[in-house]
Amino acid sequence: MCDEIFTDPPVRFTPQKGNKTEELLAKMIKKHKVTLPIIHVRQNLYLIGSQKVSMDFKFNSIMVRPVNSGGMFSAQERFETYITKNHRKFERKLVNYMSGSQDSLQTVLDKLKSGDKIRKV
């Protein structure tokens, strides 16, 4: 089911005009053919698949720092490394949320973005 949903990006990332980090991010998404949803939450906080992360432009690259369940940040790594390592896990997690809750992908993403619990049916 993951391959069916994520063959093409189900939610396209659109960079905010004038935001250099997001403009570079959009180029990297295209270059690496990322099909996971990437959604801006607020300031430098984003939702990549099922994971909230902090993103900053440092060291000539986009650096990603995942936010754990307690609201604390984990180790920082390059966007390309993070996506390569985690994309399949995030695809499966989103599909599991959808099937468990009987919600659409957009509803699941909205709940993850706002921090709402995803209830199983």
PDB file of N, CA and C in Angstrom:
ATOM      1  N   MET A   1       0.819  -1.201   0.000  1.00  0.00           N
ATOM      2  CA  MET A   1       0.000   0.000   0.000  1.00  0.00           C
ATOM      3  C   MET A   1       0.865   1.268   0.000  1.00  0.00           C
ATOM      4  N   CYS A   2       2.034   1.206   0.663  1.00  0.00           N
ATOM      5  CA  CYS A   2       2.929   2.364   0.693  1.00  0.00           C
ATOM      6  C   CYS A   2       3.312   2.801  -0.717  1.00  0.00           C
ATOM      7  N   ASP A   3       3.655   1.809  -1.548  1.00  0.00           N
ATOM      8  CA  ASP A   3       4.088   2.131  -2.909  1.00  0.00           C
ATOM      9  C   ASP A   3       2.975   2.781  -3.716  1.00  0.00           C
ATOM     10  N   GLU A   4       1.727   2.396  -3.460  1.00  0.00           N
ATOM     11  CA  GLU A   4       0.597   2.999  -4.178  1.00  0.00           C
ATOM     12  C   GLU A   4       0.396   4.455  -3.766  1.00  0.00           C
ATOM     13  N   ILE A   5       0.477   4.719  -2.475  1.00  0.00           N
ATOM     14  CA  ILE A   5       0.209   6.064  -1.967  1.00  0.00           C
ATOM     15  C   ILE A   5       1.368   7.018  -2.241  1.00  0.00           C
ATOM     16  N   PHE A   6       2.601   6.514  -2.115  1.00  0.00           N
ATOM     17  CA  PHE A   6       3.758   7.391  -2.175  1.00  0.00           C
ATOM     18  C   PHE A   6       4.569   7.280  -3.460  1.00  0.00           C
ATOM     19  N   THR A   7       3.956   6.801  -4.551  1.00  0.00           N
ATOM     20  CA  THR A   7       4.640   6.781  -5.842  1.00  0.00           C
ATOM     21  C   THR A   7       4.956   8.212  -6.266  1.00  0.00           C
ATOM     22  N   ASP A   8       3.986   9.078  -6.151  1.00  0.00           N
ATOM     23  CA  ASP A   8       4.139  10.517  -6.371  1.00  0.00           C
ATOM     24  C   ASP A   8       3.836  11.197  -5.046  1.00  0.00           C
ATOM     25  N   PRO A   9       4.362  12.395  -4.825  1.00  0.00           N
ATOM     26  CA  PRO A   9       4.067  13.077  -3.562  1.00  0.00           C
ATOM     27  C   PRO A   9       2.557  13.334  -3.410  1.00  0.00           C
ATOM     28  N   PRO A  10       1.919  12.766  -2.375  1.00  0.00           N
ATOM     29  CA  PRO A  10       0.493  13.003  -2.182  1.00  0.00           C
ATOM     30  C   PRO A  10       0.210  14.428  -1.706  1.00  0.00           C
ATOM     31  N   VAL A  11       1.209  15.058  -1.114  1.00  0.00           N
ATOM     32  CA  VAL A  11       1.114  16.455  -0.677  1.00  0.00           C
ATOM     33  C   VAL A  11       2.392  17.134  -1.150  1.00  0.00           C
ATOM     34  N   ARG A  12       2.261  18.098  -2.033  1.00  0.00           N
ATOM     35  CA  ARG A  12       3.442  18.759  -2.596  1.00  0.00           C
ATOM     36  C   ARG A  12       3.920  19.877  -1.665  1.00  0.00           C
ATOM     37  N   PHE A  13       5.231  19.962  -1.507  1.00  0.00           N
ATOM     38  CA  PHE A  13       5.830  21.015  -0.689  1.00  0.00           C
ATOM     39  C   PHE A  13       5.941  22.279  -1.523  1.00  0.00           C
ATOM     40  N   THR A  14       5.459  23.389  -0.977  1.00  0.00           N
ATOM     41  CA  THR A  14       5.568  24.683  -1.639  1.00  0.00           C
ATOM     42  C   THR A  14       6.341  25.620  -0.718  1.00  0.00           C
ATOM     43  N   PRO A  15       7.526  26.070  -1.146  1.00  0.00           N
ATOM     44  CA  PRO A  15       8.336  26.936  -0.276  1.00  0.00           C
ATOM     45  C   PRO A  15       7.710  28.319  -0.121  1.00  0.00           C
ATOM     46  N   GLN A  16       7.894  28.899   1.054  1.00  0.00           N
ATOM     47  CA  GLN A  16       7.451  30.271   1.281  1.00  0.00           C
ATOM     48  C   GLN A  16       8.401  31.196   0.526  1.00  0.00           C
ATOM     49  N   LYS A  17       7.840  32.162  -0.169  1.00  0.00           N
ATOM     50  CA  LYS A  17       8.638  33.089  -0.966  1.00  0.00           C
ATOM     51  C   LYS A  17       9.642  33.823  -0.082  1.00  0.00           C
ATOM     52  N   GLY A  18      10.895  33.849  -0.518  1.00  0.00           N
ATOM     53  CA  GLY A  18      11.933  34.564   0.210  1.00  0.00           C
ATOM     54  C   GLY A  18      12.568  33.763   1.339  1.00  0.00           C
ATOM     55  N   ASN A  19      12.066  32.563   1.612  1.00  0.00           N
ATOM     56  CA  ASN A  19      12.627  31.722   2.668  1.00  0.00           C
ATOM     57  C   ASN A  19      13.706  30.835   2.035  1.00  0.00           C
ATOM     58  N   LYS A  20      14.972  31.195   2.246  1.00  0.00           N
ATOM     59  CA  LYS A  20      16.094  30.501   1.603  1.00  0.00           C
ATOM     60  C   LYS A  20      16.154  29.022   1.981  1.00  0.00           C
ATOM     61  N   THR A  21      15.877  28.711   3.242  1.00  0.00           N
ATOM     62  CA  THR A  21      15.904  27.308   3.675  1.00  0.00           C
ATOM     63  C   THR A  21      14.860  26.506   2.916  1.00  0.00           C
ATOM     64  N   GLU A  22      13.644  27.038   2.821  1.00  0.00           N
ATOM     65  CA  GLU A  22      12.571  26.316   2.130  1.00  0.00           C
ATOM     66  C   GLU A  22      12.815  26.227   0.627  1.00  0.00           C
ATOM     67  N   GLU A  23      13.408  27.261   0.049  1.00  0.00           N
ATOM     68  CA  GLU A  23      13.717  27.206  -1.380  1.00  0.00           C
ATOM     69  C   GLU A  23      14.754  26.115  -1.660  1.00  0.00           C
ATOM     70  N   LEU A  24      15.770  26.008  -0.794  1.00  0.00           N
ATOM     71  CA  LEU A  24      16.758  24.943  -0.933  1.00  0.00           C
ATOM     72  C   LEU A  24      16.114  23.587  -0.668  1.00  0.00           C
ATOM     73  N   LEU A  25      15.246  23.527   0.317  1.00  0.00           N
ATOM     74  CA  LEU A  25      14.539  22.288   0.634  1.00  0.00           C
ATOM     75  C   LEU A  25      13.735  21.803  -0.574  1.00  0.00           C
ATOM     76  N   ALA A  26      13.028  22.700  -1.238  1.00  0.00           N
ATOM     77  CA  ALA A  26      12.237  22.329  -2.419  1.00  0.00           C
ATOM     78  C   ALA A  26      13.139  21.737  -3.510  1.00  0.00           C
ATOM     79  N   LYS A  27      14.314  22.317  -3.696  1.00  0.00           N
ATOM     80  CA  LYS A  27      15.259  21.776  -4.684  1.00  0.00           C
ATOM     81  C   LYS A  27      15.745  20.383  -4.284  1.00  0.00           C
ATOM     82  N   MET A  28      16.010  20.198  -2.997  1.00  0.00           N
ATOM     83  CA  MET A  28      16.483  18.906  -2.516  1.00  0.00           C
ATOM     84  C   MET A  28      15.391  17.837  -2.620  1.00  0.00           C
ATOM     85  N   ILE A  29      14.160  18.221  -2.358  1.00  0.00           N
ATOM     86  CA  ILE A  29      13.036  17.292  -2.487  1.00  0.00           C
ATOM     87  C   ILE A  29      12.958  16.794  -3.924  1.00  0.00           C
ATOM     88  N   LYS A  30      13.091  17.724  -4.856  1.00  0.00           N
ATOM     89  CA  LYS A  30      13.039  17.361  -6.276  1.00  0.00           C
ATOM     90  C   LYS A  30      14.246  16.504  -6.665  1.00  0.00           C
ATOM     91  N   LYS A  31      15.436  16.915  -6.249  1.00  0.00           N
ATOM     92  CA  LYS A  31      16.668  16.203  -6.597  1.00  0.00           C
ATOM     93  C   LYS A  31      16.659  14.764  -6.079  1.00  0.00           C
ATOM     94  N   HIS A  32      16.200  14.573  -4.853  1.00  0.00           N
ATOM     95  CA  HIS A  32      16.212  13.247  -4.232  1.00  0.00           C
ATOM     96  C   HIS A  32      14.887  12.494  -4.407  1.00  0.00           C
ATOM     97  N   LYS A  33      13.974  13.093  -5.187  1.00  0.00           N
ATOM     98  CA  LYS A  33      12.677  12.459  -5.482  1.00  0.00           C
ATOM     99  C   LYS A  33      11.940  12.026  -4.209  1.00  0.00           C
ATOM    100  N   VAL A  34      11.877  12.947  -3.246  1.00  0.00           N
ATOM    101  CA  VAL A  34      11.200  12.680  -1.970  1.00  0.00           C
ATOM    102  C   VAL A  34       9.690  12.732  -2.203  1.00  0.00           C
ATOM    103  N   THR A  35       9.006  11.666  -1.810  1.00  0.00           N
ATOM    104  CA  THR A  35       7.542  11.623  -1.982  1.00  0.00           C
ATOM    105  C   THR A  35       6.801  11.705  -0.654  1.00  0.00           C
ATOM    106  N   LEU A  36       7.537  11.749   0.444  1.00  0.00           N
ATOM    107  CA  LEU A  36       6.891  11.918   1.755  1.00  0.00           C
ATOM    108  C   LEU A  36       6.310  13.319   1.866  1.00  0.00           C
ATOM    109  N   PRO A  37       5.195  13.465   2.558  1.00  0.00           N
ATOM    110  CA  PRO A  37       4.692  14.817   2.825  1.00  0.00           C
ATOM    111  C   PRO A  37       5.671  15.576   3.720  1.00  0.00           C
ATOM    112  N   ILE A  38       5.971  16.803   3.349  1.00  0.00           N
ATOM    113  CA  ILE A  38       6.773  17.702   4.177  1.00  0.00           C
ATOM    114  C   ILE A  38       5.956  18.974   4.329  1.00  0.00           C
ATOM    115  N   ILE A  39       5.578  19.279   5.575  1.00  0.00           N
ATOM    116  CA  ILE A  39       4.642  20.367   5.848  1.00  0.00           C
ATOM    117  C   ILE A  39       5.242  21.323   6.868  1.00  0.00           C
ATOM    118  N   HIS A  40       5.175  22.615   6.574  1.00  0.00           N
ATOM    119  CA  HIS A  40       5.632  23.634   7.516  1.00  0.00           C
ATOM    120  C   HIS A  40       4.623  23.732   8.652  1.00  0.00           C
ATOM    121  N   VAL A  41       5.100  23.654   9.892  1.00  0.00           N
ATOM    122  CA  VAL A  41       4.219  23.754  11.065  1.00  0.00           C
ATOM    123  C   VAL A  41       4.256  25.178  11.604  1.00  0.00           C
ATOM    124  N   ARG A  42       5.448  25.650  11.981  1.00  0.00           N
ATOM    125  CA  ARG A  42       5.639  27.028  12.441  1.00  0.00           C
ATOM    126  C   ARG A  42       7.146  27.280  12.549  1.00  0.00           C
ATOM    127  N   GLN A  43       7.542  28.520  12.400  1.00  0.00           N
ATOM    128  CA  GLN A  43       8.950  28.924  12.450  1.00  0.00           C
ATOM    129  C   GLN A  43       9.830  27.898  11.734  1.00  0.00           C
ATOM    130  N   ASN A  44      10.743  27.235  12.431  1.00  0.00           N
ATOM    131  CA  ASN A  44      11.616  26.254  11.777  1.00  0.00           C
ATOM    132  C   ASN A  44      11.179  24.818  12.074  1.00  0.00           C
ATOM    133  N   LEU A  45       9.916  24.634  12.451  1.00  0.00           N
ATOM    134  CA  LEU A  45       9.371  23.308  12.760  1.00  0.00           C
ATOM    135  C   LEU A  45       8.570  22.786  11.566  1.00  0.00           C
ATOM    136  N   TYR A  46       8.862  21.536  11.172  1.00  0.00           N
ATOM    137  CA  TYR A  46       8.225  20.913  10.019  1.00  0.00           C
ATOM    138  C   TYR A  46       7.763  19.512  10.380  1.00  0.00           C
ATOM    139  N   LEU A  47       6.815  19.020   9.612  1.00  0.00           N
ATOM    140  CA  LEU A  47       6.391  17.629   9.711  1.00  0.00           C
ATOM    141  C   LEU A  47       6.952  16.927   8.477  1.00  0.00           C
ATOM    142  N   ILE A  48       7.827  15.949   8.697  1.00  0.00           N
ATOM    143  CA  ILE A  48       8.348  15.125   7.598  1.00  0.00           C
ATOM    144  C   ILE A  48       7.742  13.746   7.801  1.00  0.00           C
ATOM    145  N   GLY A  49       6.830  13.367   6.916  1.00  0.00           N
ATOM    146  CA  GLY A  49       6.123  12.103   7.099  1.00  0.00           C
ATOM    147  C   GLY A  49       5.339  12.147   8.391  1.00  0.00           C
ATOM    148  N   SER A  50       5.717  11.313   9.355  1.00  0.00           N
ATOM    149  CA  SER A  50       5.008  11.268  10.636  1.00  0.00           C
ATOM    150  C   SER A  50       5.812  11.909  11.769  1.00  0.00           C
ATOM    151  N   GLN A  51       6.940  12.544  11.449  1.00  0.00           N
ATOM    152  CA  GLN A  51       7.859  13.053  12.475  1.00  0.00           C
ATOM    153  C   GLN A  51       7.999  14.574  12.418  1.00  0.00           C
ATOM    154  N   LYS A  52       7.834  15.238  13.551  1.00  0.00           N
ATOM    155  CA  LYS A  52       8.122  16.667  13.613  1.00  0.00           C
ATOM    156  C   LYS A  52       9.623  16.835  13.772  1.00  0.00           C
ATOM    157  N   VAL A  53      10.154  17.786  13.006  1.00  0.00           N
ATOM    158  CA  VAL A  53      11.586  18.066  13.047  1.00  0.00           C
ATOM    159  C   VAL A  53      11.818  19.573  13.011  1.00  0.00           C
ATOM    160  N   SER A  54      12.960  19.964  13.537  1.00  0.00           N
ATOM    161  CA  SER A  54      13.438  21.329  13.389  1.00  0.00           C
ATOM    162  C   SER A  54      14.381  21.321  12.197  1.00  0.00           C
ATOM    163  N   MET A  55      14.270  22.321  11.318  1.00  0.00           N
ATOM    164  CA  MET A  55      15.153  22.399  10.151  1.00  0.00           C
ATOM    165  C   MET A  55      15.811  23.766  10.095  1.00  0.00           C
ATOM    166  N   ASP A  56      17.109  23.750   9.858  1.00  0.00           N
ATOM    167  CA  ASP A  56      17.885  24.983   9.729  1.00  0.00           C
ATOM    168  C   ASP A  56      18.916  24.820   8.636  1.00  0.00           C
ATOM    169  N   PHE A  57      19.322  25.943   8.055  1.00  0.00           N
ATOM    170  CA  PHE A  57      20.404  25.932   7.075  1.00  0.00           C
ATOM    171  C   PHE A  57      21.698  26.179   7.834  1.00  0.00           C
ATOM    172  N   LYS A  58      22.546  25.140   7.902  1.00  0.00           N
ATOM    173  CA  LYS A  58      23.839  25.224   8.589  1.00  0.00           C
ATOM    174  C   LYS A  58      24.845  24.392   7.809  1.00  0.00           C
ATOM    175  N   PHE A  59      26.093  24.766   7.913  1.00  0.00           N
ATOM    176  CA  PHE A  59      27.170  23.974   7.313  1.00  0.00           C
ATOM    177  C   PHE A  59      26.930  23.725   5.819  1.00  0.00           C
ATOM    178  N   ASN A  60      26.350  24.715   5.128  1.00  0.00           N
ATOM    179  CA  ASN A  60      26.060  24.620   3.703  1.00  0.00           C
ATOM    180  C   ASN A  60      25.067  23.510   3.359  1.00  0.00           C
ATOM    181  N   SER A  61      24.216  23.175   4.278  1.00  0.00           N
ATOM    182  CA  SER A  61      23.225  22.122   4.053  1.00  0.00           C
ATOM    183  C   SER A  61      22.014  22.370   4.939  1.00  0.00           C
ATOM    184  N   ILE A  62      20.933  21.657   4.649  1.00  0.00           N
ATOM    185  CA  ILE A  62      19.767  21.702   5.542  1.00  0.00           C
ATOM    186  C   ILE A  62      19.985  20.636   6.598  1.00  0.00           C
ATOM    187  N   MET A  63      19.955  21.083   7.841  1.00  0.00           N
ATOM    188  CA  MET A  63      20.153  20.185   8.969  1.00  0.00           C
ATOM    189  C   MET A  63      18.796  19.923   9.631  1.00  0.00           C
ATOM    190  N   VAL A  64      18.562  18.649   9.940  1.00  0.00           N
ATOM    191  CA  VAL A  64      17.296  18.198  10.519  1.00  0.00           C
ATOM    192  C   VAL A  64      17.563  17.716  11.935  1.00  0.00           C
ATOM    193  N   ARG A  65      16.691  18.120  12.848  1.00  0.00           N
ATOM    194  CA  ARG A  65      16.789  17.666  14.235  1.00  0.00           C
ATOM    195  C   ARG A  65      15.400  17.202  14.673  1.00  0.00           C
ATOM    196  N   PRO A  66      15.188  15.883  14.765  1.00  0.00           N
ATOM    197  CA  PRO A  66      13.881  15.349  15.157  1.00  0.00           C
ATOM    198  C   PRO A  66      13.473  15.760  16.567  1.00  0.00           C
ATOM    199  N   VAL A  67      12.169  15.945  16.747  1.00  0.00           N
ATOM    200  CA  VAL A  67      11.597  16.244  18.056  1.00  0.00           C
ATOM    201  C   VAL A  67      11.028  14.936  18.586  1.00  0.00           C
ATOM    202  N   ASN A  68      11.475  14.503  19.770  1.00  0.00           N
ATOM    203  CA  ASN A  68      10.939  13.248  20.305  1.00  0.00           C
ATOM    204  C   ASN A  68       9.607  13.489  21.001  1.00  0.00           C
ATOM    205  N   SER A  69       8.989  12.427  21.491  1.00  0.00           N
ATOM    206  CA  SER A  69       7.639  12.510  22.061  1.00  0.00           C
ATOM    207  C   SER A  69       7.562  13.425  23.282  1.00  0.00           C
ATOM    208  N   GLY A  70       8.675  13.631  23.972  1.00  0.00           N
ATOM    209  CA  GLY A  70       8.685  14.515  25.136  1.00  0.00           C
ATOM    210  C   GLY A  70       8.934  15.970  24.780  1.00  0.00           C
ATOM    211  N   GLY A  71       9.009  16.268  23.487  1.00  0.00           N
ATOM    212  CA  GLY A  71       9.241  17.630  23.039  1.00  0.00           C
ATOM    213  C   GLY A  71      10.715  18.019  22.997  1.00  0.00           C
ATOM    214  N   MET A  72      11.591  17.073  23.284  1.00  0.00           N
ATOM    215  CA  MET A  72      13.032  17.324  23.268  1.00  0.00           C
ATOM    216  C   MET A  72      13.584  17.013  21.874  1.00  0.00           C
ATOM    217  N   PHE A  73      14.706  17.645  21.542  1.00  0.00           N
ATOM    218  CA  PHE A  73      15.326  17.434  20.238  1.00  0.00           C
ATOM    219  C   PHE A  73      16.352  16.307  20.300  1.00  0.00           C
ATOM    220  N   SER A  74      16.429  15.542  19.216  1.00  0.00           N
ATOM    221  CA  SER A  74      17.430  14.479  19.078  1.00  0.00           C
ATOM    222  C   SER A  74      18.641  15.030  18.338  1.00  0.00           C
ATOM    223  N   ALA A  75      19.571  14.158  17.992  1.00  0.00           N
ATOM    224  CA  ALA A  75      20.787  14.554  17.282  1.00  0.00           C
ATOM    225  C   ALA A  75      20.466  15.138  15.909  1.00  0.00           C
ATOM    226  N   GLN A  76      21.293  16.047  15.473  1.00  0.00           N
ATOM    227  CA  GLN A  76      21.118  16.734  14.197  1.00  0.00           C
ATOM    228  C   GLN A  76      21.830  15.969  13.087  1.00  0.00           C
ATOM    229  N   GLU A  77      21.218  15.934  11.887  1.00  0.00           N
ATOM    230  CA  GLU A  77      21.874  15.320  10.736  1.00  0.00           C
ATOM    231  C   GLU A  77      21.402  15.995   9.453  1.00  0.00           C
ATOM    232  N   ARG A  78      22.117  15.740   8.383  1.00  0.00           N
ATOM    233  CA  ARG A  78      21.780  16.347   7.090  1.00  0.00           C
ATOM    234  C   ARG A  78      20.448  15.792   6.577  1.00  0.00           C
ATOM    235  N   PHE A  79      19.700  16.650   5.887  1.00  0.00           N
ATOM    236  CA  PHE A  79      18.398  16.283   5.346  1.00  0.00           C
ATOM    237  C   PHE A  79      18.490  15.028   4.486  1.00  0.00           C
ATOM    238  N   GLU A  80      19.485  14.970   3.583  1.00  0.00           N
ATOM    239  CA  GLU A  80      19.613  13.825   2.673  1.00  0.00           C
ATOM    240  C   GLU A  80      19.795  12.521   3.439  1.00  0.00           C
ATOM    241  N   THR A  81      20.609  12.550   4.475  1.00  0.00           N
ATOM    242  CA  THR A  81      20.859  11.357   5.290  1.00  0.00           C
ATOM    243  C   THR A  81      19.591  10.961   6.035  1.00  0.00           C
ATOM    244  N   TYR A  82      18.941  11.935   6.616  1.00  0.00           N
ATOM    245  CA  TYR A  82      17.724  11.692   7.402  1.00  0.00           C
ATOM    246  C   TYR A  82      16.626  11.066   6.536  1.00  0.00           C
ATOM    247  N   ILE A  83      16.399  11.622   5.359  1.00  0.00           N
ATOM    248  CA  ILE A  83      15.352  11.115   4.466  1.00  0.00           C
ATOM    249  C   ILE A  83      15.684   9.708   3.995  1.00  0.00           C
ATOM    250  N   THR A  84      16.914   9.491   3.563  1.00  0.00           N
ATOM    251  CA  THR A  84      17.322   8.172   3.082  1.00  0.00           C
ATOM    252  C   THR A  84      17.117   7.112   4.156  1.00  0.00           C
ATOM    253  N   LYS A  85      17.465   7.450   5.372  1.00  0.00           N
ATOM    254  CA  LYS A  85      17.402   6.509   6.489  1.00  0.00           C
ATOM    255  C   LYS A  85      15.962   6.231   6.959  1.00  0.00           C
ATOM    256  N   ASN A  86      15.074   7.222   6.850  1.00  0.00           N
ATOM    257  CA  ASN A  86      13.763   7.122   7.502  1.00  0.00           C
ATOM    258  C   ASN A  86      12.535   7.082   6.594  1.00  0.00           C
ATOM    259  N   HIS A  87      12.692   7.314   5.291  1.00  0.00           N
ATOM    260  CA  HIS A  87      11.503   7.494   4.462  1.00  0.00           C
ATOM    261  C   HIS A  87      10.571   6.284   4.485  1.00  0.00           C
ATOM    262  N   ARG A  88      11.100   5.085   4.405  1.00  0.00           N
ATOM    263  CA  ARG A  88      10.234   3.896   4.362  1.00  0.00           C
ATOM    264  C   ARG A  88       9.490   3.707   5.686  1.00  0.00           C
ATOM    265  N   LYS A  89      10.185   3.953   6.785  1.00  0.00           N
ATOM    266  CA  LYS A  89       9.572   3.852   8.119  1.00  0.00           C
ATOM    267  C   LYS A  89       8.406   4.838   8.240  1.00  0.00           C
ATOM    268  N   PHE A  90       8.605   6.066   7.745  1.00  0.00           N
ATOM    269  CA  PHE A  90       7.549   7.078   7.833  1.00  0.00           C
ATOM    270  C   PHE A  90       6.368   6.730   6.920  1.00  0.00           C
ATOM    271  N   GLU A  91       6.649   6.180   5.749  1.00  0.00           N
ATOM    272  CA  GLU A  91       5.559   5.738   4.868  1.00  0.00           C
ATOM    273  C   GLU A  91       4.697   4.699   5.579  1.00  0.00           C
ATOM    274  N   ARG A  92       5.346   3.699   6.162  1.00  0.00           N
ATOM    275  CA  ARG A  92       4.603   2.635   6.864  1.00  0.00           C
ATOM    276  C   ARG A  92       3.803   3.191   8.034  1.00  0.00           C
ATOM    277  N   LYS A  93       4.408   4.104   8.761  1.00  0.00           N
ATOM    278  CA  LYS A  93       3.726   4.679   9.924  1.00  0.00           C
ATOM    279  C   LYS A  93       2.482   5.464   9.496  1.00  0.00           C
ATOM    280  N   LEU A  94       2.584   6.231   8.429  1.00  0.00           N
ATOM    281  CA  LEU A  94       1.418   6.991   7.944  1.00  0.00           C
ATOM    282  C   LEU A  94       0.313   6.041   7.482  1.00  0.00           C
ATOM    283  N   VAL A  95       0.687   4.982   6.758  1.00  0.00           N
ATOM    284  CA  VAL A  95      -0.309   4.000   6.306  1.00  0.00           C
ATOM    285  C   VAL A  95      -0.958   3.314   7.511  1.00  0.00           C
ATOM    286  N   ASN A  96      -0.166   2.982   8.529  1.00  0.00           N
ATOM    287  CA  ASN A  96      -0.730   2.371   9.739  1.00  0.00           C
ATOM    288  C   ASN A  96      -1.703   3.315  10.441  1.00  0.00           C
ATOM    289  N   TYR A  97      -1.354   4.589  10.524  1.00  0.00           N
ATOM    290  CA  TYR A  97      -2.274   5.575  11.111  1.00  0.00           C
ATOM    291  C   TYR A  97      -3.573   5.637  10.320  1.00  0.00           C
ATOM    292  N   MET A  98      -3.453   5.648   8.985  1.00  0.00           N
ATOM    293  CA  MET A  98      -4.649   5.729   8.135  1.00  0.00           C
ATOM    294  C   MET A  98      -5.533   4.501   8.321  1.00  0.00           C
ATOM    295  N   SER A  99      -4.934   3.313   8.296  1.00  0.00           N
ATOM    296  CA  SER A  99      -5.748   2.099   8.394  1.00  0.00           C
ATOM    297  C   SER A  99      -6.310   1.920   9.801  1.00  0.00           C
ATOM    298  N   GLY A 100      -5.544   2.282  10.813  1.00  0.00           N
ATOM    299  CA  GLY A 100      -6.016   2.133  12.184  1.00  0.00           C
ATOM    300  C   GLY A 100      -7.127   3.096  12.555  1.00  0.00           C
ATOM    301  N   SER A 101      -7.079   4.296  11.990  1.00  0.00           N
ATOM    302  CA  SER A 101      -8.070   5.323  12.338  1.00  0.00           C
ATOM    303  C   SER A 101      -9.186   5.453  11.304  1.00  0.00           C
ATOM    304  N   GLN A 102      -8.985   4.834  10.140  1.00  0.00           N
ATOM    305  CA  GLN A 102      -9.915   4.970   9.008  1.00  0.00           C
ATOM    306  C   GLN A 102      -9.999   6.418   8.518  1.00  0.00           C
ATOM    307  N   ASP A 103      -8.944   7.189   8.750  1.00  0.00           N
ATOM    308  CA  ASP A 103      -8.873   8.579   8.304  1.00  0.00           C
ATOM    309  C   ASP A 103      -8.097   8.669   6.993  1.00  0.00           C
ATOM    310  N   SER A 104      -8.310   9.749   6.273  1.00  0.00           N
ATOM    311  CA  SER A 104      -7.554  10.006   5.050  1.00  0.00           C
ATOM    312  C   SER A 104      -6.141  10.441   5.427  1.00  0.00           C
ATOM    313  N   LEU A 105      -5.247  10.418   4.464  1.00  0.00           N
ATOM    314  CA  LEU A 105      -3.888  10.877   4.707  1.00  0.00           C
ATOM    315  C   LEU A 105      -3.897  12.330   5.160  1.00  0.00           C
ATOM    316  N   GLN A 106      -4.703  13.158   4.530  1.00  0.00           N
ATOM    317  CA  GLN A 106      -4.739  14.581   4.893  1.00  0.00           C
ATOM    318  C   GLN A 106      -5.196  14.775   6.337  1.00  0.00           C
ATOM    319  N   THR A 107      -6.189  14.005   6.775  1.00  0.00           N
ATOM    320  CA  THR A 107      -6.668  14.098   8.158  1.00  0.00           C
ATOM    321  C   THR A 107      -5.577  13.654   9.128  1.00  0.00           C
ATOM    322  N   VAL A 108      -4.885  12.564   8.808  1.00  0.00           N
ATOM    323  CA  VAL A 108      -3.786  12.083   9.644  1.00  0.00           C
ATOM    324  C   VAL A 108      -2.702  13.152   9.746  1.00  0.00           C
ATOM    325  N   LEU A 109      -2.334  13.759   8.618  1.00  0.00           N
ATOM    326  CA  LEU A 109      -1.310  14.802   8.618  1.00  0.00           C
ATOM    327  C   LEU A 109      -1.742  16.015   9.429  1.00  0.00           C
ATOM    328  N   ASP A 110      -3.004  16.408   9.291  1.00  0.00           N
ATOM    329  CA  ASP A 110      -3.527  17.535  10.069  1.00  0.00           C
ATOM    330  C   ASP A 110      -3.434  17.256  11.569  1.00  0.00           C
ATOM    331  N   LYS A 111      -3.768  16.027  11.973  1.00  0.00           N
ATOM    332  CA  LYS A 111      -3.700  15.657  13.392  1.00  0.00           C
ATOM    333  C   LYS A 111      -2.256  15.636  13.879  1.00  0.00           C
ATOM    334  N   LEU A 112      -1.343  15.100  13.078  1.00  0.00           N
ATOM    335  CA  LEU A 112       0.063  15.084  13.458  1.00  0.00           C
ATOM    336  C   LEU A 112       0.618  16.497  13.564  1.00  0.00           C
ATOM    337  N   LYS A 113       0.241  17.338  12.626  1.00  0.00           N
ATOM    338  CA  LYS A 113       0.714  18.726  12.617  1.00  0.00           C
ATOM    339  C   LYS A 113       0.258  19.468  13.866  1.00  0.00           C
ATOM    340  N   SER A 114      -0.990  19.261  14.257  1.00  0.00           N
ATOM    341  CA  SER A 114      -1.537  19.989  15.406  1.00  0.00           C
ATOM    342  C   SER A 114      -1.235  19.309  16.737  1.00  0.00           C
ATOM    343  N   GLY A 115      -0.687  18.084  16.687  1.00  0.00           N
ATOM    344  CA  GLY A 115      -0.370  17.382  17.921  1.00  0.00           C
ATOM    345  C   GLY A 115      -1.529  16.595  18.505  1.00  0.00           C
ATOM    346  N   ASP A 116      -2.620  16.449  17.730  1.00  0.00           N
ATOM    347  CA  ASP A 116      -3.777  15.678  18.193  1.00  0.00           C
ATOM    348  C   ASP A 116      -3.468  14.183  18.155  1.00  0.00           C
ATOM    349  N   LYS A 117      -4.105  13.445  19.031  1.00  0.00           N
ATOM    350  CA  LYS A 117      -3.957  11.987  19.035  1.00  0.00           C
ATOM    351  C   LYS A 117      -4.711  11.395  17.853  1.00  0.00           C
ATOM    352  N   ILE A 118      -4.173  10.326  17.309  1.00  0.00           N
ATOM    353  CA  ILE A 118      -4.824   9.609  16.228  1.00  0.00           C
ATOM    354  C   ILE A 118      -5.474   8.380  16.841  1.00  0.00           C
ATOM    355  N   ARG A 119      -6.767   8.375  16.852  1.00  0.00           N
ATOM    356  CA  ARG A 119      -7.532   7.306  17.517  1.00  0.00           C
ATOM    357  C   ARG A 119      -7.724   6.126  16.576  1.00  0.00           C
ATOM    358  N   LYS A 120      -7.584   4.931  17.137  1.00  0.00           N
ATOM    359  CA  LYS A 120      -7.844   3.724  16.369  1.00  0.00           C
ATOM    360  C   LYS A 120      -9.331   3.404  16.430  1.00  0.00           C
ATOM    361  N   VAL A 121      -9.861   2.934  15.319  1.00  0.00           N
ATOM    362  CA  VAL A 121     -11.277   2.582  15.255  1.00  0.00           C
ATOM    363  C   VAL A 121     -11.471   1.187  15.768  1.00  0.00           C
TER     364      VAL A 121
END
